[in-house]
Amino acid sequence: RAQISDASGTPRDVHAKYIVGADGANSLV
């Protein structure tokens, strides 16, 4: 269960079976 801020800054909740961090050397994941 992930909390995401969309392009407008609006918070969104997303449910996924899996999450993959491809977010680089300073990975938040």
Full PDB file with SEQRES, HELIX, SHEET, SSBOND, CRYST1, ORIGX, SCALE, CONECT and MASTER records, all heavy atoms in Angstrom:
SEQRES   1 A   29  ARG ALA GLN ILE SER ASP ALA SER GLY THR PRO ARG ASP          
SEQRES   2 A   29  VAL HIS ALA LYS TYR ILE VAL GLY ALA ASP GLY ALA ASN          
SEQRES   3 A   29  SER LEU VAL                                                  
SHEET    1 AA1 2 ALA A   2  SER A   5  0                                        
SHEET    2 AA1 2 PRO A  11  VAL A  14 -1                                        
CRYST1    1.000    1.000    1.000  90.00  90.00  90.00 P 1           1          
ORIGX1      1.000000  0.000000  0.000000        0.00000                         
ORIGX2      0.000000  1.000000  0.000000        0.00000                         
ORIGX3      0.000000  0.000000  1.000000        0.00000                         
SCALE1      1.000000  0.000000  0.000000        0.00000                         
SCALE2      0.000000  1.000000  0.000000        0.00000                         
SCALE3      0.000000  0.000000  1.000000        0.00000                         
ATOM      1  N   ARG A   1       0.859  -1.174   0.000  1.00  0.00           N  
ATOM      2  CA  ARG A   1       0.000   0.000   0.000  1.00  0.00           C  
ATOM      3  C   ARG A   1       0.902   1.233   0.000  1.00  0.00           C  
ATOM      4  O   ARG A   1       1.625   1.500   0.954  1.00  0.00           O  
ATOM      5  CB  ARG A   1      -0.909  -0.012   1.239  1.00  0.00           C  
ATOM      6  CG  ARG A   1      -2.225   0.711   1.042  1.00  0.00           C  
ATOM      7  CD  ARG A   1      -3.204   0.376   2.154  1.00  0.00           C  
ATOM      8  NE  ARG A   1      -3.787  -0.940   2.023  1.00  0.00           N  
ATOM      9  CZ  ARG A   1      -4.802  -1.233   1.224  1.00  0.00           C  
ATOM     10  NH1 ARG A   1      -5.313  -0.298   0.449  1.00  0.00           N  
ATOM     11  NH2 ARG A   1      -5.299  -2.443   1.176  1.00  0.00           N  
ATOM     12  N   ALA A   2       0.871   1.962  -1.125  1.00  0.00           N  
ATOM     13  CA  ALA A   2       1.806   3.078  -1.319  1.00  0.00           C  
ATOM     14  C   ALA A   2       1.075   4.407  -1.311  1.00  0.00           C  
ATOM     15  O   ALA A   2      -0.073   4.511  -1.770  1.00  0.00           O  
ATOM     16  CB  ALA A   2       2.556   2.907  -2.629  1.00  0.00           C  
ATOM     17  N   GLN A   3       1.770   5.415  -0.804  1.00  0.00           N  
ATOM     18  CA  GLN A   3       1.257   6.784  -0.819  1.00  0.00           C  
ATOM     19  C   GLN A   3       2.041   7.560  -1.879  1.00  0.00           C  
ATOM     20  O   GLN A   3       3.271   7.625  -1.833  1.00  0.00           O  
ATOM     21  CB  GLN A   3       1.407   7.448   0.545  1.00  0.00           C  
ATOM     22  CG  GLN A   3       0.639   6.763   1.671  1.00  0.00           C  
ATOM     23  CD  GLN A   3       1.333   5.517   2.190  1.00  0.00           C  
ATOM     24  OE1 GLN A   3       2.526   5.551   2.508  1.00  0.00           O  
ATOM     25  NE2 GLN A   3       0.597   4.408   2.294  1.00  0.00           N  
ATOM     26  N   ILE A   4       1.302   8.111  -2.830  1.00  0.00           N  
ATOM     27  CA  ILE A   4       1.903   8.783  -3.974  1.00  0.00           C  
ATOM     28  C   ILE A   4       1.360  10.197  -4.074  1.00  0.00           C  
ATOM     29  O   ILE A   4       0.180  10.434  -3.831  1.00  0.00           O  
ATOM     30  CB  ILE A   4       1.600   8.000  -5.273  1.00  0.00           C  
ATOM     31  CG1 ILE A   4       2.323   6.650  -5.244  1.00  0.00           C  
ATOM     32  CG2 ILE A   4       2.002   8.785  -6.518  1.00  0.00           C  
ATOM     33  CD1 ILE A   4       1.924   5.726  -6.365  1.00  0.00           C  
ATOM     34  N   SER A   5       2.219  11.125  -4.444  1.00  0.00           N  
ATOM     35  CA  SER A   5       1.798  12.488  -4.761  1.00  0.00           C  
ATOM     36  C   SER A   5       1.818  12.627  -6.280  1.00  0.00           C  
ATOM     37  O   SER A   5       2.858  12.424  -6.912  1.00  0.00           O  
ATOM     38  CB  SER A   5       2.753  13.500  -4.126  1.00  0.00           C  
ATOM     39  OG  SER A   5       2.420  14.813  -4.501  1.00  0.00           O  
ATOM     40  N   ASP A   6       0.658  12.931  -6.889  1.00  0.00           N  
ATOM     41  CA  ASP A   6       0.612  13.018  -8.356  1.00  0.00           C  
ATOM     42  C   ASP A   6       1.192  14.349  -8.839  1.00  0.00           C  
ATOM     43  O   ASP A   6       1.680  15.171  -8.046  1.00  0.00           O  
ATOM     44  CB  ASP A   6      -0.802  12.776  -8.878  1.00  0.00           C  
ATOM     45  CG  ASP A   6      -1.783  13.889  -8.522  1.00  0.00           C  
ATOM     46  OD1 ASP A   6      -1.342  14.975  -8.112  1.00  0.00           O  
ATOM     47  OD2 ASP A   6      -3.006  13.659  -8.669  1.00  0.00           O  
ATOM     48  N   ALA A   7       1.165  14.567 -10.148  1.00  0.00           N  
ATOM     49  CA  ALA A   7       1.818  15.734 -10.727  1.00  0.00           C  
ATOM     50  C   ALA A   7       1.259  17.052 -10.211  1.00  0.00           C  
ATOM     51  O   ALA A   7       1.942  18.076 -10.202  1.00  0.00           O  
ATOM     52  CB  ALA A   7       1.704  15.679 -12.249  1.00  0.00           C  
ATOM     53  N   SER A   8       0.006  17.035  -9.743  1.00  0.00           N  
ATOM     54  CA  SER A   8      -0.607  18.255  -9.206  1.00  0.00           C  
ATOM     55  C   SER A   8      -0.354  18.419  -7.721  1.00  0.00           C  
ATOM     56  O   SER A   8      -0.766  19.416  -7.123  1.00  0.00           O  
ATOM     57  CB  SER A   8      -2.114  18.224  -9.466  1.00  0.00           C  
ATOM     58  OG  SER A   8      -2.740  17.218  -8.679  1.00  0.00           O  
ATOM     59  N   GLY A   9       0.310  17.421  -7.100  1.00  0.00           N  
ATOM     60  CA  GLY A   9       0.553  17.462  -5.665  1.00  0.00           C  
ATOM     61  C   GLY A   9      -0.528  16.802  -4.848  1.00  0.00           C  
ATOM     62  O   GLY A   9      -0.458  16.768  -3.618  1.00  0.00           O  
ATOM     63  N   THR A  10      -1.529  16.249  -5.520  1.00  0.00           N  
ATOM     64  CA  THR A  10      -2.630  15.588  -4.817  1.00  0.00           C  
ATOM     65  C   THR A  10      -2.184  14.223  -4.301  1.00  0.00           C  
ATOM     66  O   THR A  10      -1.631  13.425  -5.061  1.00  0.00           O  
ATOM     67  CB  THR A  10      -3.831  15.399  -5.763  1.00  0.00           C  
ATOM     68  OG1 THR A  10      -4.200  16.672  -6.295  1.00  0.00           O  
ATOM     69  CG2 THR A  10      -5.003  14.772  -5.026  1.00  0.00           C  
ATOM     70  N   PRO A  11      -2.410  13.922  -3.018  1.00  0.00           N  
ATOM     71  CA  PRO A  11      -2.026  12.606  -2.498  1.00  0.00           C  
ATOM     72  C   PRO A  11      -2.946  11.504  -3.022  1.00  0.00           C  
ATOM     73  O   PRO A  11      -4.153  11.699  -3.156  1.00  0.00           O  
ATOM     74  CB  PRO A  11      -2.157  12.775  -0.983  1.00  0.00           C  
ATOM     75  CG  PRO A  11      -3.116  13.898  -0.798  1.00  0.00           C  
ATOM     76  CD  PRO A  11      -2.947  14.810  -1.965  1.00  0.00           C  
ATOM     77  N   ARG A  12      -2.352  10.353  -3.327  1.00  0.00           N  
ATOM     78  CA  ARG A  12      -3.093   9.193  -3.831  1.00  0.00           C  
ATOM     79  C   ARG A  12      -2.614   7.949  -3.103  1.00  0.00           C  
ATOM     80  O   ARG A  12      -1.444   7.825  -2.758  1.00  0.00           O  
ATOM     81  CB  ARG A  12      -2.855   8.990  -5.336  1.00  0.00           C  
ATOM     82  CG  ARG A  12      -3.118  10.226  -6.195  1.00  0.00           C  
ATOM     83  CD  ARG A  12      -4.581  10.381  -6.502  1.00  0.00           C  
ATOM     84  NE  ARG A  12      -4.819  11.466  -7.449  1.00  0.00           N  
ATOM     85  CZ  ARG A  12      -6.004  11.787  -7.921  1.00  0.00           C  
ATOM     86  NH1 ARG A  12      -7.076  11.101  -7.546  1.00  0.00           N  
ATOM     87  NH2 ARG A  12      -6.141  12.784  -8.767  1.00  0.00           N  
ATOM     88  N   ASP A  13      -3.531   7.012  -2.888  1.00  0.00           N  
ATOM     89  CA  ASP A  13      -3.180   5.704  -2.345  1.00  0.00           C  
ATOM     90  C   ASP A  13      -3.273   4.680  -3.470  1.00  0.00           C  
ATOM     91  O   ASP A  13      -4.263   4.647  -4.215  1.00  0.00           O  
ATOM     92  CB  ASP A  13      -4.125   5.303  -1.208  1.00  0.00           C  
ATOM     93  CG  ASP A  13      -3.874   6.107   0.060  1.00  0.00           C  
ATOM     94  OD1 ASP A  13      -2.753   6.622   0.212  1.00  0.00           O  
ATOM     95  OD2 ASP A  13      -4.799   6.220   0.884  1.00  0.00           O  
ATOM     96  N   VAL A  14      -2.244   3.857  -3.588  1.00  0.00           N  
ATOM     97  CA  VAL A  14      -2.209   2.822  -4.616  1.00  0.00           C  
ATOM     98  C   VAL A  14      -1.897   1.491  -3.956  1.00  0.00           C  
ATOM     99  O   VAL A  14      -0.969   1.394  -3.140  1.00  0.00           O  
ATOM    100  CB  VAL A  14      -1.149   3.127  -5.702  1.00  0.00           C  
ATOM    101  CG1 VAL A  14      -1.016   1.967  -6.674  1.00  0.00           C  
ATOM    102  CG2 VAL A  14      -1.494   4.414  -6.441  1.00  0.00           C  
ATOM    103  N   HIS A  15      -2.683   0.473  -4.297  1.00  0.00           N  
ATOM    104  CA  HIS A  15      -2.419  -0.881  -3.809  1.00  0.00           C  
ATOM    105  C   HIS A  15      -1.807  -1.695  -4.935  1.00  0.00           C  
ATOM    106  O   HIS A  15      -2.353  -1.765  -6.041  1.00  0.00           O  
ATOM    107  CB  HIS A  15      -3.702  -1.558  -3.319  1.00  0.00           C  
ATOM    108  CG  HIS A  15      -3.443  -2.885  -2.659  1.00  0.00           C  
ATOM    109  ND1 HIS A  15      -3.416  -4.064  -3.360  1.00  0.00           N  
ATOM    110  CD2 HIS A  15      -3.189  -3.207  -1.365  1.00  0.00           C  
ATOM    111  CE1 HIS A  15      -3.163  -5.064  -2.531  1.00  0.00           C  
ATOM    112  NE2 HIS A  15      -3.020  -4.570  -1.309  1.00  0.00           N  
ATOM    113  N   ALA A  16      -0.637  -2.282  -4.677  1.00  0.00           N  
ATOM    114  CA  ALA A  16       0.059  -3.093  -5.670  1.00  0.00           C  
ATOM    115  C   ALA A  16       0.412  -4.442  -5.067  1.00  0.00           C  
ATOM    116  O   ALA A  16       0.546  -4.580  -3.845  1.00  0.00           O  
ATOM    117  CB  ALA A  16       1.323  -2.384  -6.144  1.00  0.00           C  
ATOM    118  N   LYS A  17       0.568  -5.418  -5.935  1.00  0.00           N  
ATOM    119  CA  LYS A  17       1.036  -6.719  -5.452  1.00  0.00           C  
ATOM    120  C   LYS A  17       2.527  -6.658  -5.108  1.00  0.00           C  
ATOM    121  O   LYS A  17       2.980  -7.292  -4.158  1.00  0.00           O  
ATOM    122  CB  LYS A  17       0.770  -7.789  -6.507  1.00  0.00           C  
ATOM    123  CG  LYS A  17      -0.715  -8.057  -6.752  1.00  0.00           C  
ATOM    124  CD  LYS A  17      -0.928  -9.058  -7.871  1.00  0.00           C  
ATOM    125  CE  LYS A  17      -2.421  -9.273  -8.114  1.00  0.00           C  
ATOM    126  NZ  LYS A  17      -2.686 -10.167  -9.277  1.00  0.00           N  
ATOM    127  N   TYR A  18       3.280  -5.861  -5.903  1.00  0.00           N  
ATOM    128  CA  TYR A  18       4.724  -5.726  -5.688  1.00  0.00           C  
ATOM    129  C   TYR A  18       5.149  -4.300  -6.012  1.00  0.00           C  
ATOM    130  O   TYR A  18       4.500  -3.596  -6.798  1.00  0.00           O  
ATOM    131  CB  TYR A  18       5.511  -6.717  -6.571  1.00  0.00           C  
ATOM    132  CG  TYR A  18       5.143  -8.158  -6.285  1.00  0.00           C  
ATOM    133  CD1 TYR A  18       4.222  -8.825  -7.090  1.00  0.00           C  
ATOM    134  CD2 TYR A  18       5.690  -8.835  -5.204  1.00  0.00           C  
ATOM    135  CE1 TYR A  18       3.860 -10.136  -6.820  1.00  0.00           C  
ATOM    136  CE2 TYR A  18       5.335 -10.141  -4.928  1.00  0.00           C  
ATOM    137  CZ  TYR A  18       4.413 -10.785  -5.733  1.00  0.00           C  
ATOM    138  OH  TYR A  18       4.050 -12.071  -5.463  1.00  0.00           O  
ATOM    139  N   ILE A  19       6.269  -3.883  -5.424  1.00  0.00           N  
ATOM    140  CA  ILE A  19       6.850  -2.578  -5.723  1.00  0.00           C  
ATOM    141  C   ILE A  19       8.302  -2.796  -6.122  1.00  0.00           C  
ATOM    142  O   ILE A  19       9.001  -3.629  -5.532  1.00  0.00           O  
ATOM    143  CB  ILE A  19       6.745  -1.612  -4.516  1.00  0.00           C  
ATOM    144  CG1 ILE A  19       7.277  -0.227  -4.893  1.00  0.00           C  
ATOM    145  CG2 ILE A  19       7.468  -2.156  -3.293  1.00  0.00           C  
ATOM    146  CD1 ILE A  19       7.006   0.837  -3.816  1.00  0.00           C  
ATOM    147  N   VAL A  20       8.756  -2.059  -7.137  1.00  0.00           N  
ATOM    148  CA  VAL A  20      10.144  -2.153  -7.604  1.00  0.00           C  
ATOM    149  C   VAL A  20      10.748  -0.758  -7.568  1.00  0.00           C  
ATOM    150  O   VAL A  20      10.217   0.178  -8.177  1.00  0.00           O  
ATOM    151  CB  VAL A  20      10.224  -2.724  -9.037  1.00  0.00           C  
ATOM    152  CG1 VAL A  20      11.682  -2.779  -9.490  1.00  0.00           C  
ATOM    153  CG2 VAL A  20       9.606  -4.110  -9.110  1.00  0.00           C  
ATOM    154  N   GLY A  21      11.862  -0.632  -6.873  1.00  0.00           N  
ATOM    155  CA  GLY A  21      12.590   0.626  -6.829  1.00  0.00           C  
ATOM    156  C   GLY A  21      13.649   0.666  -7.922  1.00  0.00           C  
ATOM    157  O   GLY A  21      14.651  -0.052  -7.850  1.00  0.00           O  
ATOM    158  N   ALA A  22      13.391   1.489  -8.945  1.00  0.00           N  
ATOM    159  CA  ALA A  22      14.377   1.757  -9.987  1.00  0.00           C  
ATOM    160  C   ALA A  22      14.730   3.233  -9.903  1.00  0.00           C  
ATOM    161  O   ALA A  22      14.914   3.909 -10.912  1.00  0.00           O  
ATOM    162  CB  ALA A  22      13.815   1.401 -11.363  1.00  0.00           C  
ATOM    163  N   ASP A  23      14.786   3.721  -8.671  1.00  0.00           N  
ATOM    164  CA  ASP A  23      14.871   5.159  -8.418  1.00  0.00           C  
ATOM    165  C   ASP A  23      16.281   5.638  -8.088  1.00  0.00           C  
ATOM    166  O   ASP A  23      16.471   6.621  -7.375  1.00  0.00           O  
ATOM    167  CB  ASP A  23      13.884   5.573  -7.326  1.00  0.00           C  
ATOM    168  CG  ASP A  23      13.936   4.703  -6.079  1.00  0.00           C  
ATOM    169  OD1 ASP A  23      14.487   3.585  -6.140  1.00  0.00           O  
ATOM    170  OD2 ASP A  23      13.393   5.128  -5.042  1.00  0.00           O  
ATOM    171  N   GLY A  24      17.278   4.950  -8.613  1.00  0.00           N  
ATOM    172  CA  GLY A  24      18.630   5.475  -8.619  1.00  0.00           C  
ATOM    173  C   GLY A  24      19.415   5.334  -7.336  1.00  0.00           C  
ATOM    174  O   GLY A  24      18.971   4.722  -6.355  1.00  0.00           O  
ATOM    175  N   ALA A  25      20.604   5.924  -7.361  1.00  0.00           N  
ATOM    176  CA  ALA A  25      21.557   5.763  -6.258  1.00  0.00           C  
ATOM    177  C   ALA A  25      21.026   6.278  -4.929  1.00  0.00           C  
ATOM    178  O   ALA A  25      21.360   5.750  -3.865  1.00  0.00           O  
ATOM    179  CB  ALA A  25      22.862   6.463  -6.613  1.00  0.00           C  
ATOM    180  N   ASN A  26      20.196   7.314  -4.964  1.00  0.00           N  
ATOM    181  CA  ASN A  26      19.615   7.864  -3.735  1.00  0.00           C  
ATOM    182  C   ASN A  26      18.207   7.323  -3.513  1.00  0.00           C  
ATOM    183  O   ASN A  26      17.315   8.035  -3.054  1.00  0.00           O  
ATOM    184  CB  ASN A  26      19.602   9.386  -3.815  1.00  0.00           C  
ATOM    185  CG  ASN A  26      20.995   9.965  -3.912  1.00  0.00           C  
ATOM    186  OD1 ASN A  26      21.893   9.579  -3.164  1.00  0.00           O  
ATOM    187  ND2 ASN A  26      21.199  10.889  -4.842  1.00  0.00           N  
ATOM    188  N   SER A  27      18.021   6.055  -3.795  1.00  0.00           N  
ATOM    189  CA  SER A  27      16.711   5.406  -3.806  1.00  0.00           C  
ATOM    190  C   SER A  27      15.908   5.622  -2.520  1.00  0.00           C  
ATOM    191  O   SER A  27      16.352   5.275  -1.423  1.00  0.00           O  
ATOM    192  CB  SER A  27      16.908   3.898  -4.029  1.00  0.00           C  
ATOM    193  OG  SER A  27      15.711   3.194  -3.834  1.00  0.00           O  
ATOM    194  N   LEU A  28      14.708   6.171  -2.685  1.00  0.00           N  
ATOM    195  CA  LEU A  28      13.784   6.285  -1.556  1.00  0.00           C  
ATOM    196  C   LEU A  28      13.249   4.917  -1.172  1.00  0.00           C  
ATOM    197  O   LEU A  28      13.063   4.628   0.013  1.00  0.00           O  
ATOM    198  CB  LEU A  28      12.632   7.230  -1.912  1.00  0.00           C  
ATOM    199  CG  LEU A  28      11.541   7.387  -0.849  1.00  0.00           C  
ATOM    200  CD1 LEU A  28      12.118   7.943   0.452  1.00  0.00           C  
ATOM    201  CD2 LEU A  28      10.407   8.269  -1.368  1.00  0.00           C  
ATOM    202  N   VAL A  29      13.008   4.063  -2.162  1.00  0.00           N  
ATOM    203  CA  VAL A  29      12.514   2.713  -1.858  1.00  0.00           C  
ATOM    204  C   VAL A  29      13.508   1.982  -0.970  1.00  0.00           C  
ATOM    205  O   VAL A  29      13.134   1.377   0.044  1.00  0.00           O  
ATOM    206  CB  VAL A  29      12.256   1.923  -3.166  1.00  0.00           C  
ATOM    207  CG1 VAL A  29      11.879   0.471  -2.839  1.00  0.00           C  
ATOM    208  CG2 VAL A  29      11.156   2.580  -3.989  1.00  0.00           C  
TER     209      VAL A  29                                                      
MASTER        0    0    0    0    2    0    0    6  208    1    0    3          
END                                                                             
